[in-house]
N, C-alpha and C. Protein backbone atom coordinates (compact mmCIF):
# COMPACT_ATOMS: atom_id res chain seq x y z
N MET A 1 -51.37 -45.58 -48.68
CA MET A 1 -51.82 -45.95 -47.35
C MET A 1 -52.74 -44.87 -46.76
N LYS A 2 -52.40 -43.61 -47.03
CA LYS A 2 -53.22 -42.52 -46.52
C LYS A 2 -54.63 -42.59 -47.10
N ARG A 3 -54.76 -42.93 -48.39
CA ARG A 3 -56.08 -43.05 -49.03
C ARG A 3 -56.91 -44.15 -48.38
N VAL A 4 -56.29 -45.27 -48.06
CA VAL A 4 -57.00 -46.37 -47.43
C VAL A 4 -57.52 -45.94 -46.06
N PHE A 5 -56.68 -45.25 -45.30
CA PHE A 5 -57.10 -44.77 -43.99
C PHE A 5 -58.26 -43.80 -44.10
N VAL A 6 -58.19 -42.86 -45.04
CA VAL A 6 -59.26 -41.88 -45.23
C VAL A 6 -60.55 -42.59 -45.62
N LEU A 7 -60.47 -43.56 -46.53
CA LEU A 7 -61.65 -44.33 -46.94
C LEU A 7 -62.22 -45.10 -45.75
N PHE A 8 -61.36 -45.73 -44.97
CA PHE A 8 -61.81 -46.48 -43.79
C PHE A 8 -62.49 -45.54 -42.80
N ALA A 9 -61.87 -44.39 -42.52
CA ALA A 9 -62.45 -43.43 -41.59
C ALA A 9 -63.81 -42.94 -42.09
N PHE A 10 -63.92 -42.69 -43.38
CA PHE A 10 -65.20 -42.24 -43.97
C PHE A 10 -66.27 -43.31 -43.77
N CYS A 11 -65.93 -44.57 -44.01
CA CYS A 11 -66.89 -45.67 -43.86
C CYS A 11 -67.34 -45.81 -42.40
N VAL A 12 -66.41 -45.69 -41.46
CA VAL A 12 -66.76 -45.79 -40.05
C VAL A 12 -67.72 -44.67 -39.65
N VAL A 13 -67.40 -43.44 -40.08
CA VAL A 13 -68.26 -42.30 -39.77
C VAL A 13 -69.64 -42.49 -40.40
N ALA A 14 -69.69 -42.97 -41.65
CA ALA A 14 -70.97 -43.19 -42.33
C ALA A 14 -71.81 -44.23 -41.60
N LEU A 15 -71.19 -45.32 -41.15
CA LEU A 15 -71.91 -46.35 -40.41
C LEU A 15 -72.40 -45.82 -39.07
N MET A 16 -71.61 -44.99 -38.41
CA MET A 16 -72.04 -44.40 -37.14
C MET A 16 -73.25 -43.50 -37.37
N GLN A 17 -73.28 -42.76 -38.47
CA GLN A 17 -74.41 -41.90 -38.77
C GLN A 17 -75.67 -42.72 -38.99
N LEU A 18 -75.54 -43.86 -39.67
CA LEU A 18 -76.71 -44.71 -39.89
C LEU A 18 -77.28 -45.22 -38.58
N ASP A 19 -76.41 -45.67 -37.68
CA ASP A 19 -76.86 -46.15 -36.38
C ASP A 19 -77.51 -45.03 -35.58
N ALA A 20 -77.01 -43.82 -35.74
CA ALA A 20 -77.52 -42.70 -34.97
C ALA A 20 -78.90 -42.27 -35.43
N GLN A 21 -79.38 -42.80 -36.53
CA GLN A 21 -80.67 -42.38 -37.06
C GLN A 21 -81.83 -43.24 -36.56
N VAL A 22 -81.56 -44.19 -35.70
CA VAL A 22 -82.61 -44.99 -35.09
C VAL A 22 -82.55 -44.74 -33.58
N TYR A 23 -83.65 -44.20 -33.04
CA TYR A 23 -83.69 -43.85 -31.63
C TYR A 23 -84.71 -44.74 -30.94
N LYS A 24 -84.30 -45.37 -29.85
CA LYS A 24 -85.19 -46.22 -29.07
C LYS A 24 -85.44 -45.56 -27.72
N LEU A 25 -86.72 -45.47 -27.39
CA LEU A 25 -87.13 -44.87 -26.13
C LEU A 25 -88.05 -45.84 -25.40
N LYS A 26 -88.15 -45.69 -24.10
CA LYS A 26 -89.06 -46.50 -23.30
C LYS A 26 -89.92 -45.54 -22.49
N THR A 27 -91.24 -45.75 -22.53
CA THR A 27 -92.14 -44.87 -21.81
C THR A 27 -92.18 -45.23 -20.33
N THR A 28 -92.47 -44.21 -19.51
CA THR A 28 -92.64 -44.45 -18.08
C THR A 28 -94.06 -44.11 -17.64
N SER A 29 -94.75 -43.24 -18.38
CA SER A 29 -96.13 -42.85 -18.08
C SER A 29 -96.71 -42.08 -19.26
N MET A 30 -98.03 -41.88 -19.22
CA MET A 30 -98.67 -41.11 -20.28
C MET A 30 -99.80 -40.26 -19.71
N ALA A 31 -100.15 -39.21 -20.46
CA ALA A 31 -101.30 -38.37 -20.12
C ALA A 31 -101.94 -37.94 -21.44
N PHE A 32 -103.18 -37.45 -21.38
CA PHE A 32 -103.87 -37.02 -22.59
C PHE A 32 -104.76 -35.82 -22.30
N ARG A 33 -105.20 -35.19 -23.37
CA ARG A 33 -106.16 -34.10 -23.29
C ARG A 33 -106.96 -34.09 -24.58
N SER A 34 -108.11 -33.41 -24.57
CA SER A 34 -108.95 -33.36 -25.77
C SER A 34 -109.41 -31.93 -26.03
N TYR A 35 -109.83 -31.70 -27.27
CA TYR A 35 -110.31 -30.39 -27.70
C TYR A 35 -111.78 -30.53 -28.08
N ASP A 36 -112.64 -29.70 -27.52
CA ASP A 36 -114.08 -29.82 -27.77
C ASP A 36 -114.59 -28.85 -28.84
N GLY A 37 -113.69 -28.24 -29.58
CA GLY A 37 -114.08 -27.28 -30.60
C GLY A 37 -113.91 -25.84 -30.15
N TYR A 38 -113.79 -25.65 -28.82
CA TYR A 38 -113.63 -24.31 -28.27
C TYR A 38 -112.37 -24.16 -27.42
N SER A 39 -112.07 -25.20 -26.67
CA SER A 39 -110.89 -25.12 -25.80
C SER A 39 -110.36 -26.53 -25.50
N TRP A 40 -109.11 -26.56 -25.07
CA TRP A 40 -108.48 -27.81 -24.68
C TRP A 40 -108.81 -28.12 -23.22
N SER A 41 -109.03 -29.38 -22.93
CA SER A 41 -109.21 -29.81 -21.54
C SER A 41 -107.86 -29.75 -20.83
N ASP A 42 -107.90 -29.89 -19.51
CA ASP A 42 -106.65 -30.02 -18.76
C ASP A 42 -106.05 -31.38 -19.08
N TRP A 43 -104.75 -31.50 -18.88
CA TRP A 43 -104.11 -32.80 -19.05
C TRP A 43 -104.63 -33.75 -17.99
N SER A 44 -104.80 -35.01 -18.36
CA SER A 44 -105.19 -36.04 -17.39
C SER A 44 -104.04 -36.27 -16.42
N ALA A 45 -104.31 -37.04 -15.37
CA ALA A 45 -103.25 -37.45 -14.45
C ALA A 45 -102.32 -38.42 -15.19
N TRP A 46 -101.08 -38.49 -14.78
CA TRP A 46 -100.14 -39.43 -15.38
C TRP A 46 -100.59 -40.86 -15.11
N ASP A 47 -100.66 -41.66 -16.15
CA ASP A 47 -101.06 -43.06 -16.05
C ASP A 47 -99.80 -43.91 -16.20
N TYR A 48 -99.39 -44.55 -15.10
CA TYR A 48 -98.17 -45.35 -15.11
C TYR A 48 -98.44 -46.79 -15.54
N ASP A 49 -99.68 -47.25 -15.41
CA ASP A 49 -100.01 -48.63 -15.78
C ASP A 49 -100.15 -48.78 -17.30
N ARG A 50 -101.04 -48.00 -17.91
CA ARG A 50 -101.26 -48.11 -19.36
C ARG A 50 -100.15 -47.44 -20.16
N GLY A 51 -99.49 -46.44 -19.57
CA GLY A 51 -98.52 -45.66 -20.33
C GLY A 51 -97.08 -45.97 -20.04
N GLY A 52 -96.82 -46.97 -19.20
CA GLY A 52 -95.45 -47.28 -18.84
C GLY A 52 -94.92 -48.52 -19.53
N ASN A 53 -93.60 -48.56 -19.70
CA ASN A 53 -92.90 -49.72 -20.22
C ASN A 53 -93.27 -50.06 -21.67
N ILE A 54 -93.42 -49.05 -22.50
CA ILE A 54 -93.74 -49.23 -23.92
C ILE A 54 -92.52 -48.80 -24.74
N LEU A 55 -92.14 -49.61 -25.70
CA LEU A 55 -91.02 -49.29 -26.58
C LEU A 55 -91.49 -48.34 -27.68
N VAL A 56 -90.72 -47.28 -27.91
CA VAL A 56 -90.95 -46.34 -29.01
C VAL A 56 -89.70 -46.32 -29.86
N VAL A 57 -89.86 -46.53 -31.17
CA VAL A 57 -88.73 -46.52 -32.09
C VAL A 57 -88.95 -45.41 -33.11
N ILE A 58 -88.02 -44.47 -33.14
CA ILE A 58 -88.03 -43.42 -34.15
C ILE A 58 -86.96 -43.78 -35.16
N ASN A 59 -87.38 -44.21 -36.34
CA ASN A 59 -86.45 -44.65 -37.37
C ASN A 59 -86.39 -43.59 -38.48
N ALA A 60 -85.39 -42.72 -38.38
CA ALA A 60 -85.24 -41.65 -39.37
C ALA A 60 -84.78 -42.20 -40.71
N ASN A 61 -84.17 -43.38 -40.71
CA ASN A 61 -83.73 -43.99 -41.97
C ASN A 61 -84.92 -44.36 -42.85
N SER A 62 -85.98 -44.89 -42.25
CA SER A 62 -87.16 -45.29 -43.01
C SER A 62 -88.34 -44.34 -42.81
N ASP A 63 -88.13 -43.24 -42.07
CA ASP A 63 -89.17 -42.23 -41.82
C ASP A 63 -90.42 -42.83 -41.18
N ILE A 64 -90.22 -43.66 -40.17
CA ILE A 64 -91.34 -44.30 -39.46
C ILE A 64 -91.12 -44.18 -37.96
N ILE A 65 -92.20 -43.86 -37.24
CA ILE A 65 -92.20 -43.89 -35.77
C ILE A 65 -93.17 -44.99 -35.37
N THR A 66 -92.69 -45.92 -34.54
CA THR A 66 -93.52 -47.04 -34.09
C THR A 66 -93.60 -47.02 -32.58
N ILE A 67 -94.82 -47.13 -32.06
CA ILE A 67 -95.05 -47.21 -30.63
C ILE A 67 -95.65 -48.59 -30.37
N TYR A 68 -94.92 -49.42 -29.64
CA TYR A 68 -95.33 -50.81 -29.40
C TYR A 68 -96.20 -50.92 -28.15
N SER A 69 -97.33 -50.23 -28.16
CA SER A 69 -98.31 -50.31 -27.07
C SER A 69 -99.16 -51.55 -27.29
N LYS A 70 -100.21 -51.71 -26.49
CA LYS A 70 -101.08 -52.89 -26.62
C LYS A 70 -101.50 -53.08 -28.07
N GLU A 71 -101.90 -51.99 -28.72
CA GLU A 71 -102.14 -51.99 -30.15
C GLU A 71 -101.03 -51.17 -30.79
N THR A 72 -100.20 -51.80 -31.63
CA THR A 72 -99.06 -51.12 -32.23
C THR A 72 -99.51 -49.92 -33.05
N GLN A 73 -98.86 -48.79 -32.80
CA GLN A 73 -99.14 -47.55 -33.52
C GLN A 73 -97.97 -47.28 -34.46
N GLU A 74 -98.28 -46.97 -35.71
CA GLU A 74 -97.22 -46.68 -36.68
C GLU A 74 -97.54 -45.37 -37.39
N TYR A 75 -96.54 -44.52 -37.49
CA TYR A 75 -96.69 -43.21 -38.09
C TYR A 75 -95.61 -43.01 -39.14
N ASP A 76 -96.01 -42.54 -40.30
CA ASP A 76 -95.05 -42.17 -41.34
C ASP A 76 -94.64 -40.72 -41.11
N ILE A 77 -93.35 -40.46 -41.13
CA ILE A 77 -92.84 -39.10 -40.99
C ILE A 77 -92.88 -38.44 -42.37
N LEU A 78 -93.64 -37.35 -42.49
CA LEU A 78 -93.70 -36.62 -43.75
C LEU A 78 -92.54 -35.65 -43.88
N ASN A 79 -92.28 -34.88 -42.83
CA ASN A 79 -91.12 -33.99 -42.85
C ASN A 79 -90.83 -33.45 -41.45
N LEU A 80 -89.62 -32.95 -41.33
CA LEU A 80 -89.17 -32.31 -40.10
C LEU A 80 -89.67 -30.87 -40.12
N ILE A 81 -90.35 -30.45 -39.06
CA ILE A 81 -90.85 -29.08 -38.98
C ILE A 81 -89.87 -28.20 -38.22
N GLU A 82 -89.44 -28.66 -37.07
CA GLU A 82 -88.49 -27.91 -36.24
C GLU A 82 -87.39 -28.86 -35.78
N ASP A 83 -86.17 -28.38 -35.82
CA ASP A 83 -85.06 -29.15 -35.31
C ASP A 83 -84.38 -28.36 -34.22
N GLU A 84 -84.51 -28.83 -32.98
CA GLU A 84 -83.88 -28.19 -31.83
C GLU A 84 -84.32 -26.74 -31.64
N LYS A 85 -85.59 -26.56 -31.40
CA LYS A 85 -86.13 -25.22 -31.12
C LYS A 85 -86.44 -25.12 -29.63
N GLN A 86 -86.19 -23.94 -29.05
CA GLN A 86 -86.48 -23.74 -27.64
C GLN A 86 -87.91 -23.25 -27.48
N ASP A 87 -88.63 -23.81 -26.49
CA ASP A 87 -90.00 -23.38 -26.23
C ASP A 87 -90.02 -22.35 -25.09
N PRO A 88 -91.16 -21.69 -24.88
CA PRO A 88 -91.24 -20.64 -23.85
C PRO A 88 -90.97 -21.11 -22.42
N LYS A 89 -91.14 -22.42 -22.15
CA LYS A 89 -90.92 -22.93 -20.80
C LYS A 89 -89.47 -23.37 -20.57
N GLY A 90 -88.60 -23.14 -21.55
CA GLY A 90 -87.19 -23.46 -21.39
C GLY A 90 -86.79 -24.83 -21.90
N GLY A 91 -87.73 -25.59 -22.43
CA GLY A 91 -87.41 -26.89 -23.00
C GLY A 91 -86.92 -26.75 -24.43
N VAL A 92 -86.33 -27.79 -24.95
CA VAL A 92 -85.87 -27.84 -26.33
C VAL A 92 -86.58 -29.00 -27.00
N TYR A 93 -87.06 -28.79 -28.23
CA TYR A 93 -87.79 -29.86 -28.89
C TYR A 93 -87.50 -29.92 -30.39
N SER A 94 -87.79 -31.09 -30.95
CA SER A 94 -87.82 -31.30 -32.39
C SER A 94 -89.24 -31.72 -32.73
N GLU A 95 -89.72 -31.34 -33.91
CA GLU A 95 -91.11 -31.63 -34.28
C GLU A 95 -91.18 -32.15 -35.71
N TRP A 96 -92.02 -33.18 -35.89
CA TRP A 96 -92.24 -33.79 -37.20
C TRP A 96 -93.72 -33.78 -37.55
N LEU A 97 -94.02 -33.61 -38.82
CA LEU A 97 -95.37 -33.80 -39.33
C LEU A 97 -95.46 -35.26 -39.74
N CYS A 98 -96.50 -35.95 -39.26
CA CYS A 98 -96.66 -37.39 -39.50
C CYS A 98 -98.07 -37.72 -39.98
N VAL A 99 -98.23 -38.96 -40.44
CA VAL A 99 -99.54 -39.49 -40.82
C VAL A 99 -99.67 -40.86 -40.17
N ASP A 100 -100.81 -41.12 -39.51
CA ASP A 100 -101.01 -42.42 -38.87
C ASP A 100 -101.56 -43.44 -39.87
N ARG A 101 -101.82 -44.65 -39.42
CA ARG A 101 -102.31 -45.72 -40.30
C ARG A 101 -103.66 -45.41 -40.94
N ASN A 102 -104.44 -44.54 -40.29
CA ASN A 102 -105.75 -44.16 -40.82
C ASN A 102 -105.68 -42.97 -41.77
N GLY A 103 -104.49 -42.48 -42.02
CA GLY A 103 -104.32 -41.34 -42.92
C GLY A 103 -104.51 -40.00 -42.26
N LEU A 104 -104.62 -39.96 -40.94
CA LEU A 104 -104.80 -38.70 -40.22
C LEU A 104 -103.44 -38.05 -39.94
N ARG A 105 -103.37 -36.75 -40.17
CA ARG A 105 -102.14 -36.01 -39.90
C ARG A 105 -102.03 -35.71 -38.41
N CYS A 106 -100.80 -35.70 -37.93
CA CYS A 106 -100.51 -35.35 -36.55
C CYS A 106 -99.10 -34.79 -36.47
N HIS A 107 -98.79 -34.22 -35.34
CA HIS A 107 -97.45 -33.69 -35.08
C HIS A 107 -96.83 -34.46 -33.93
N PHE A 108 -95.59 -34.83 -34.09
CA PHE A 108 -94.81 -35.45 -33.02
C PHE A 108 -93.80 -34.41 -32.54
N ARG A 109 -93.68 -34.31 -31.22
CA ARG A 109 -92.66 -33.44 -30.63
C ARG A 109 -91.88 -34.25 -29.61
N LEU A 110 -90.60 -34.30 -29.78
CA LEU A 110 -89.72 -34.91 -28.79
C LEU A 110 -89.10 -33.74 -28.04
N ARG A 111 -89.45 -33.63 -26.74
CA ARG A 111 -89.09 -32.45 -25.94
C ARG A 111 -88.20 -32.85 -24.78
N LYS A 112 -87.14 -32.08 -24.61
CA LYS A 112 -86.25 -32.26 -23.47
C LYS A 112 -86.45 -31.05 -22.56
N GLN A 113 -86.90 -31.31 -21.32
CA GLN A 113 -87.14 -30.24 -20.36
C GLN A 113 -85.82 -29.77 -19.74
N ARG A 114 -85.89 -28.69 -19.00
CA ARG A 114 -84.68 -28.15 -18.35
C ARG A 114 -84.00 -29.17 -17.45
N ASP A 115 -84.79 -30.03 -16.80
CA ASP A 115 -84.22 -31.03 -15.89
C ASP A 115 -83.80 -32.31 -16.61
N ASP A 116 -83.71 -32.25 -17.95
CA ASP A 116 -83.31 -33.37 -18.81
C ASP A 116 -84.36 -34.46 -18.96
N THR A 117 -85.57 -34.26 -18.44
CA THR A 117 -86.66 -35.19 -18.65
C THR A 117 -87.07 -35.13 -20.12
N LEU A 118 -87.33 -36.29 -20.72
CA LEU A 118 -87.78 -36.36 -22.11
C LEU A 118 -89.26 -36.65 -22.17
N GLN A 119 -89.94 -35.99 -23.10
CA GLN A 119 -91.36 -36.23 -23.33
C GLN A 119 -91.61 -36.33 -24.83
N LEU A 120 -92.51 -37.25 -25.20
CA LEU A 120 -92.91 -37.42 -26.59
C LEU A 120 -94.39 -37.05 -26.69
N TYR A 121 -94.69 -35.98 -27.43
CA TYR A 121 -96.06 -35.51 -27.62
C TYR A 121 -96.57 -35.97 -28.99
N ILE A 122 -97.82 -36.41 -29.05
CA ILE A 122 -98.49 -36.71 -30.31
C ILE A 122 -99.74 -35.84 -30.32
N ASP A 123 -99.77 -34.89 -31.23
CA ASP A 123 -100.85 -33.90 -31.28
C ASP A 123 -101.68 -34.05 -32.54
N TYR A 124 -102.98 -34.32 -32.36
CA TYR A 124 -103.97 -34.28 -33.44
C TYR A 124 -104.74 -32.97 -33.29
N SER A 125 -105.62 -32.68 -34.21
CA SER A 125 -106.38 -31.44 -34.14
C SER A 125 -107.34 -31.41 -32.95
N ASP A 126 -107.80 -32.59 -32.49
CA ASP A 126 -108.77 -32.63 -31.40
C ASP A 126 -108.36 -33.51 -30.22
N PHE A 127 -107.14 -34.00 -30.23
CA PHE A 127 -106.69 -34.91 -29.18
C PHE A 127 -105.17 -34.87 -29.11
N SER A 128 -104.62 -34.90 -27.92
CA SER A 128 -103.17 -34.95 -27.72
C SER A 128 -102.85 -35.95 -26.64
N PHE A 129 -101.74 -36.63 -26.78
CA PHE A 129 -101.25 -37.41 -25.68
C PHE A 129 -99.75 -37.26 -25.60
N VAL A 130 -99.23 -37.49 -24.40
CA VAL A 130 -97.82 -37.30 -24.13
C VAL A 130 -97.31 -38.49 -23.32
N TYR A 131 -96.12 -38.94 -23.67
CA TYR A 131 -95.44 -39.98 -22.92
C TYR A 131 -94.20 -39.37 -22.27
N ASN A 132 -93.97 -39.68 -21.00
CA ASN A 132 -92.65 -39.46 -20.41
C ASN A 132 -91.80 -40.62 -20.90
N VAL A 133 -90.61 -40.33 -21.39
CA VAL A 133 -89.77 -41.38 -21.96
C VAL A 133 -88.34 -41.27 -21.44
N ILE A 134 -87.64 -42.38 -21.52
CA ILE A 134 -86.21 -42.43 -21.22
C ILE A 134 -85.52 -43.06 -22.42
N SER A 135 -84.26 -42.69 -22.62
CA SER A 135 -83.48 -43.30 -23.69
C SER A 135 -83.19 -44.74 -23.36
N ARG A 136 -83.17 -45.54 -24.39
CA ARG A 136 -82.91 -46.96 -24.18
C ARG A 136 -81.57 -47.34 -24.69
């Protein structure tokens, strides 16, 4: 009987781990900036119309991040770069190296600020955008 219980407990924990590997977020706003070869521009104002109410799915099981904006964006996760690292402003973030549908490399950062606000950054070599997100 003890073996059956241990096997059952192991299966429950394994299934919980699988569910925990898919994260759903909803955007509330977005901003962007660009690089002109010499310096980064300031961040744009937060756009609540174009950047709000978008579903973001981070599926660690299949190594894919999907952003269901007007035009669906899909990114393959190549590897985890940082897991739970603290930044100089007091936030904590995880970072992944990804490739978009066009084969361009980018970095994704999921950042939790001191006030528990979540932000999702997508950084290319010459362009970055950030979404304010909430857990779904």
